[in-house]
Protein backbone atom coordinates (compact mmCIF):
# COMPACT_ATOMS: atom_id res chain seq x y z
CA ALA A 1 16.45 -3.16 4.69
CA GLU A 2 17.66 -0.01 3.32
CA ILE A 3 16.16 3.07 5.34
CA ILE A 4 15.95 6.14 2.77
CA SER A 5 15.59 9.70 3.97
CA VAL A 6 12.83 11.46 1.37
CA GLN A 7 14.02 14.66 0.59
CA PRO A 8 11.09 17.97 0.09
CA SER A 9 13.22 18.79 -3.20
CA TRP A 10 12.10 15.86 -4.41
CA ARG A 11 10.37 16.30 -7.88
CA ASP A 12 10.55 13.59 -10.03
CA ARG A 13 12.16 10.25 -10.76
CA ALA A 14 15.85 10.93 -10.83
CA GLU A 15 15.80 11.87 -7.09
CA ILE A 16 15.15 8.49 -5.65
CA ILE A 17 16.87 6.44 -8.75
CA GLY A 18 19.67 8.31 -9.95
CA TYR A 19 20.55 10.19 -13.65
CA LEU A 20 22.96 9.48 -16.14
CA ASN A 21 25.49 12.73 -16.21
CA GLU A 22 25.57 13.45 -20.03
CA PHE A 23 29.15 15.54 -19.19
CA THR A 24 30.56 12.61 -17.62
CA LYS A 25 28.93 9.94 -18.94
CA ARG A 26 28.29 8.48 -15.48
CA PHE A 27 25.55 7.48 -13.69
CA ASN A 28 24.99 8.99 -10.51
CA GLU A 29 23.05 6.13 -8.30
CA THR A 30 21.34 6.74 -5.18
CA ASP A 31 21.04 4.45 -2.24
CA PHE A 32 17.52 3.24 -3.13
CA LEU A 33 18.82 2.52 -6.59
CA LYS A 34 21.61 0.38 -4.85
CA ALA A 35 19.20 -1.28 -2.86
CA LEU A 36 17.06 -2.26 -5.29
CA TYR A 37 19.51 -3.50 -7.47
CA GLU A 38 21.05 -5.83 -4.49
CA SER A 39 17.86 -7.37 -4.07
CA ILE A 40 17.97 -8.75 -7.22
CA TYR A 41 20.55 -10.96 -5.72
CA ARG A 42 18.79 -12.18 -2.82
CA GLN A 43 16.18 -14.56 -2.02
CA ASP A 44 15.30 -13.41 0.87
CA VAL A 45 12.32 -10.36 1.67
CA ASN A 46 13.71 -6.87 1.24
CA PHE A 47 12.18 -4.01 2.99
CA ILE A 48 12.81 -0.67 1.08
CA VAL A 49 11.51 1.98 3.83
CA LEU A 50 10.86 5.70 2.17
CA ASP A 51 11.17 7.64 5.58
CA GLU A 52 8.64 10.85 5.60
CA LEU A 53 7.53 9.67 2.37
CA ASN A 54 4.82 12.94 1.94
CA LEU A 55 7.77 15.40 2.44
CA ALA A 56 7.42 15.58 -1.09
CA ARG A 57 4.67 14.45 -3.47
CA ILE A 58 4.90 10.78 -3.81
CA GLU A 59 3.00 10.95 -7.03
CA TYR A 60 5.88 12.40 -8.55
CA TYR A 61 8.88 10.87 -7.64
CA PHE A 62 7.16 7.57 -7.06
CA ALA A 63 5.33 7.39 -10.26
CA GLU A 64 6.92 5.08 -12.29
CA PHE A 65 6.81 2.16 -9.35
CA LEU A 66 3.10 2.94 -8.71
CA SER A 67 2.43 2.16 -12.15
CA ILE A 68 4.37 -0.37 -13.29
CA MET A 69 3.43 -2.45 -10.05
CA GLU A 70 -0.35 -2.87 -11.47
CA MET A 71 0.68 -4.71 -14.10
CA PRO A 72 -0.30 -8.19 -13.42
CA ASN A 73 3.21 -10.18 -14.99
CA PRO A 74 6.02 -9.33 -12.66
CA SER A 75 8.31 -9.57 -16.11
CA GLU A 76 7.48 -6.45 -17.00
CA TRP A 77 7.97 -4.34 -13.76
CA LYS A 78 10.98 -2.68 -15.41
CA ILE A 79 12.06 0.88 -14.65
CA ASP A 80 14.39 2.19 -17.51
CA LEU A 81 17.94 4.08 -16.61
CA VAL A 82 19.78 4.56 -19.72
CA PRO A 83 18.76 5.72 -23.37
CA ASN A 84 21.50 3.86 -25.13
CA PRO A 85 22.93 0.56 -22.77
CA LYS A 86 26.57 0.11 -23.24
CA PRO A 87 28.86 -3.38 -22.93
CA SER A 88 29.73 -1.87 -19.49
CA ASP A 89 26.91 -1.72 -17.85
CA PRO A 90 25.98 -3.86 -14.68
CA LEU A 91 25.37 -7.19 -14.83
CA LYS A 92 21.62 -7.18 -14.12
CA VAL A 93 20.93 -3.72 -16.31
CA ILE A 94 19.74 -5.06 -19.23
CA ASN A 95 18.79 -3.44 -22.41
CA GLY A 96 18.99 -0.18 -20.22
CA LYS A 97 16.21 -1.59 -17.75
CA ILE A 98 16.24 -2.97 -14.19
CA THR A 99 13.63 -5.25 -12.99
CA VAL A 100 11.95 -4.48 -10.11
CA PRO A 101 12.09 -7.78 -8.26
CA GLU A 102 9.01 -9.59 -6.42
CA ASN A 103 11.09 -9.84 -3.36
CA VAL A 104 10.81 -5.90 -2.97
CA TRP A 105 8.77 -4.40 0.00
CA PHE A 106 8.01 -1.01 -0.45
CA ILE A 107 7.26 1.02 3.10
CA GLY A 108 6.77 4.57 3.44
CA THR A 109 6.15 6.15 7.08
CA ALA A 110 4.38 9.71 7.25
CA ASN A 111 3.15 12.38 9.23
CA LYS A 112 -0.08 14.54 9.03
CA ASP A 113 1.18 18.37 9.82
CA ASP A 114 1.57 21.81 7.91
CA SER A 115 5.18 20.86 6.19
CA THR A 116 3.89 17.60 4.26
CA TYR A 117 1.82 16.79 1.30
CA THR A 118 -1.60 15.05 1.70
CA ILE A 119 -1.34 11.59 0.50
CA THR A 120 -3.43 11.08 -2.43
CA ASP A 121 -6.57 8.52 -3.15
CA LYS A 122 -4.04 6.78 -5.90
CA VAL A 123 -1.30 6.28 -3.89
CA TYR A 124 -3.84 5.04 -1.05
CA ASP A 125 -5.76 2.75 -3.62
CA ARG A 126 -2.21 0.64 -3.99
CA ALA A 127 -0.69 0.70 -0.63
CA MET A 128 -2.32 -1.09 2.64
CA SER A 129 -1.99 1.59 5.42
CA LEU A 130 -1.74 1.10 8.75
CA GLU A 131 -2.65 4.38 11.47
CA PHE A 132 -0.79 4.62 14.80
CA GLU A 133 -2.81 6.87 16.54
CA ASN A 134 -1.59 6.25 20.30
CA LYS A 135 1.64 5.40 21.85
CA ALA A 136 2.70 2.13 22.67
CA GLU A 137 4.00 1.28 25.43
CA PRO A 138 7.58 0.14 25.73
CA PHE A 139 8.32 -3.79 26.64
CA GLU A 140 11.24 -5.94 26.25
CA ALA A 141 11.19 -8.28 23.43
CA PRO A 142 12.51 -12.04 24.36
CA GLU A 143 15.58 -13.16 22.21
CA GLN A 144 14.55 -15.18 19.49
CA ASN A 145 16.77 -17.42 16.83
CA PRO A 146 17.14 -15.78 13.43
CA ILE A 147 14.64 -17.05 10.80
CA ASN A 148 15.67 -17.64 7.41
CA LEU A 149 12.57 -16.66 5.06
CA SER A 150 12.73 -16.65 1.07
CA TYR A 151 10.27 -14.82 -0.41
CA THR A 152 9.43 -18.14 -2.43
CA TYR A 153 8.34 -19.19 0.95
CA LEU A 154 6.41 -16.78 1.29
CA GLN A 155 4.82 -16.41 -1.61
CA GLU A 156 3.63 -20.19 -1.56
CA LEU A 157 2.12 -19.19 2.33
CA PHE A 158 0.15 -16.48 0.58
CA ASP A 159 -1.07 -18.71 -2.59
CA GLU A 160 -1.89 -21.31 0.42
CA ALA A 161 -3.75 -18.93 2.22
CA TYR A 162 -5.92 -17.77 -0.97
CA TYR A 163 -6.94 -21.68 -2.30
CA LYS A 164 -7.62 -22.51 1.80
CA TYR A 165 -9.63 -19.44 2.94
CA PRO A 166 -11.31 -18.01 -0.45
CA VAL A 167 -13.85 -15.35 1.00
CA SER A 168 -17.22 -16.72 1.87
CA LYS A 169 -20.02 -15.80 -0.68
CA ASP A 170 -22.43 -14.46 2.39
CA VAL A 171 -19.20 -12.08 3.21
CA LEU A 172 -18.65 -10.74 -0.27
CA SER A 173 -22.70 -10.64 -0.34
CA LYS A 174 -22.99 -8.36 2.68
CA PHE A 175 -20.06 -6.36 1.29
CA ASP A 176 -22.54 -5.85 -1.51
CA VAL A 177 -25.14 -4.02 0.18
CA LEU A 178 -22.66 -1.69 1.68
CA ASP A 179 -21.07 -1.21 -1.93
CA LYS A 180 -24.42 -0.52 -3.35
CA PHE A 181 -25.55 2.13 -0.21
CA VAL A 182 -21.91 4.26 -0.62
CA GLN A 183 -22.80 4.68 -4.23
CA ASN A 184 -25.92 5.80 -3.99
CA LYS A 185 -25.62 7.97 -0.78
CA PHE A 186 -21.73 9.13 -1.35
CA LYS A 187 -21.98 9.03 -5.33
CA VAL A 188 -18.18 6.72 -4.44
CA ALA A 189 -17.65 3.26 -5.86
CA PHE A 190 -15.01 0.83 -4.87
CA GLY A 191 -13.43 0.04 -8.19
CA ASN A 192 -12.14 -2.99 -9.33
CA ARG A 193 -8.71 -2.89 -7.37
CA ILE A 194 -10.04 -2.68 -4.28
CA MET A 195 -12.20 -5.51 -5.02
CA ASN A 196 -9.00 -7.67 -6.12
CA GLN A 197 -7.17 -6.33 -2.58
CA VAL A 198 -10.06 -8.02 -0.79
CA HIS A 199 -9.60 -11.29 -2.29
CA LYS A 200 -6.09 -11.48 -1.49
CA PHE A 201 -6.34 -9.72 1.95
CA VAL A 202 -8.83 -11.43 3.32
CA PRO A 203 -7.71 -15.07 3.06
CA VAL A 204 -3.90 -14.31 3.89
CA TYR A 205 -5.99 -12.57 7.30
CA VAL A 206 -8.08 -14.97 7.53
CA ALA A 207 -4.80 -17.66 8.24
CA CYS A 208 -3.01 -15.46 10.59
CA GLY A 209 -5.47 -15.92 13.17
CA GLY A 210 -8.37 -13.50 12.21
CA THR A 211 -11.90 -13.49 10.64
CA GLU A 212 -13.41 -12.48 7.21
CA GLU A 213 -15.33 -9.98 8.60
CA ASP A 214 -12.54 -8.01 10.75
CA GLY A 215 -10.67 -8.37 7.22
CA MET A 216 -13.06 -6.69 5.33
CA ASP A 217 -13.53 -4.04 7.70
CA TYR A 218 -10.31 -3.48 7.46
CA ILE A 219 -10.77 -3.11 3.79
CA PHE A 220 -13.72 -0.81 4.46
CA ALA A 221 -12.29 1.45 6.83
CA ASN A 222 -8.79 1.85 4.91
CA LYS A 223 -9.76 2.17 1.39
CA VAL A 224 -13.25 2.99 1.17
CA LEU A 225 -14.32 5.61 4.16
CA ARG A 226 -10.85 6.94 3.67
CA MET A 227 -12.38 8.62 0.79
CA PHE A 228 -14.33 10.37 2.73
CA GLU A 229 -11.96 12.87 3.67
CA SER A 230 -12.34 14.77 0.34
CA LEU A 231 -15.71 14.60 0.65
CA ASN A 232 -17.86 17.68 1.81
CA LEU A 233 -18.96 16.00 4.83
CA ALA A 234 -20.76 19.10 6.62
CA PHE A 235 -23.75 18.27 4.31
CA LEU A 236 -23.59 14.35 4.80
CA GLN A 237 -24.61 14.32 8.55
CA ASP A 238 -27.52 12.25 8.21
CA GLU A 239 -26.03 9.97 5.35
CA LEU A 240 -23.08 9.19 8.12
CA ASP A 241 -25.66 8.01 10.62
CA GLU A 242 -27.52 6.35 7.75
CA LEU A 243 -24.09 4.56 6.98
CA SER A 244 -23.88 3.93 10.54
CA ASN A 245 -27.17 2.05 10.81
CA GLN A 246 -26.52 0.19 7.95
CA ILE A 247 -23.28 -1.66 8.95
CA SER A 248 -24.82 -2.37 12.31
CA LYS A 249 -27.89 -3.92 10.12
CA THR A 250 -25.92 -5.76 8.34
CA PHE A 251 -22.93 -6.80 10.53
CA GLY A 252 -24.13 -6.75 13.52
CA ARG A 253 -24.33 -3.78 16.68
CA ASN A 254 -20.43 -4.93 17.04
CA GLY A 255 -19.71 -5.62 13.97
CA PHE A 256 -17.00 -3.47 11.75
CA GLU A 257 -15.47 -1.76 14.53
CA GLU A 258 -12.64 -0.21 12.61
CA SER A 259 -15.24 1.51 10.62
CA GLN A 260 -17.91 2.66 12.53
CA LYS A 261 -14.62 4.21 14.35
CA MET A 262 -13.74 5.99 11.20
CA ILE A 263 -17.51 7.20 10.75
CA ALA A 264 -17.20 8.63 14.02
CA ASN A 265 -14.03 10.45 13.38
CA LEU A 266 -15.23 11.61 10.17
CA LYS A 267 -18.20 13.06 12.23
CA LYS A 268 -15.95 14.84 14.06
CA MET A 269 -14.71 16.11 11.33
CA ILE A 270 -17.70 18.48 10.51
């Protein structure tokens, strides 16, 4: 793992991957680029943590990474480094490009205050978010033997979950009810990206011991309801109540707890 501290002055890709100095003809690399390059040689899972990622606009300095990782073929995950490749370039820099390997996971930490930028839907759409609202109680973790987990084996577990626990038609049909309701009342559409994430995320959630509905609840709360923050909620009080009732009708009174909690928080913002 490598922790990269994001700086408020970051404006473009050069801040995160470096740049070629035209005067010295040397490439000024960054710690981020070094960590990315090293991960190409490794077989295990590598984490690159962007600490306080919203001190600058992530869609500016990280835009290229957000775009290429949308491509279905990982062999196309390439970042341009230098315009004119030379024989002296590092071994893994091919034709002036570096490949973003599949064994890298990008993690960002963020706070919401006056010193930070709003994280846009473009970023949220491409990420899975975890929100920490309460201070955790400290505890002593027992000593454990290290586990060497290759990325290949981890991906095999993901693939196994995908085929072993596909999302049921019953849950998908219930989710479709919410989709139509949200489109009709709030003019907010899920989009294909979110549905693709449903089919990839929920089976892994179930394989880890969760339930289908809880997995769908997480997606709905963090992917769909989060979009509501940009709506004019003052005029949507009745619609939010209707949505809460629709969720209870579709998934039961105690179902979709995360989403119901999110709706309650949205109503407090009014």
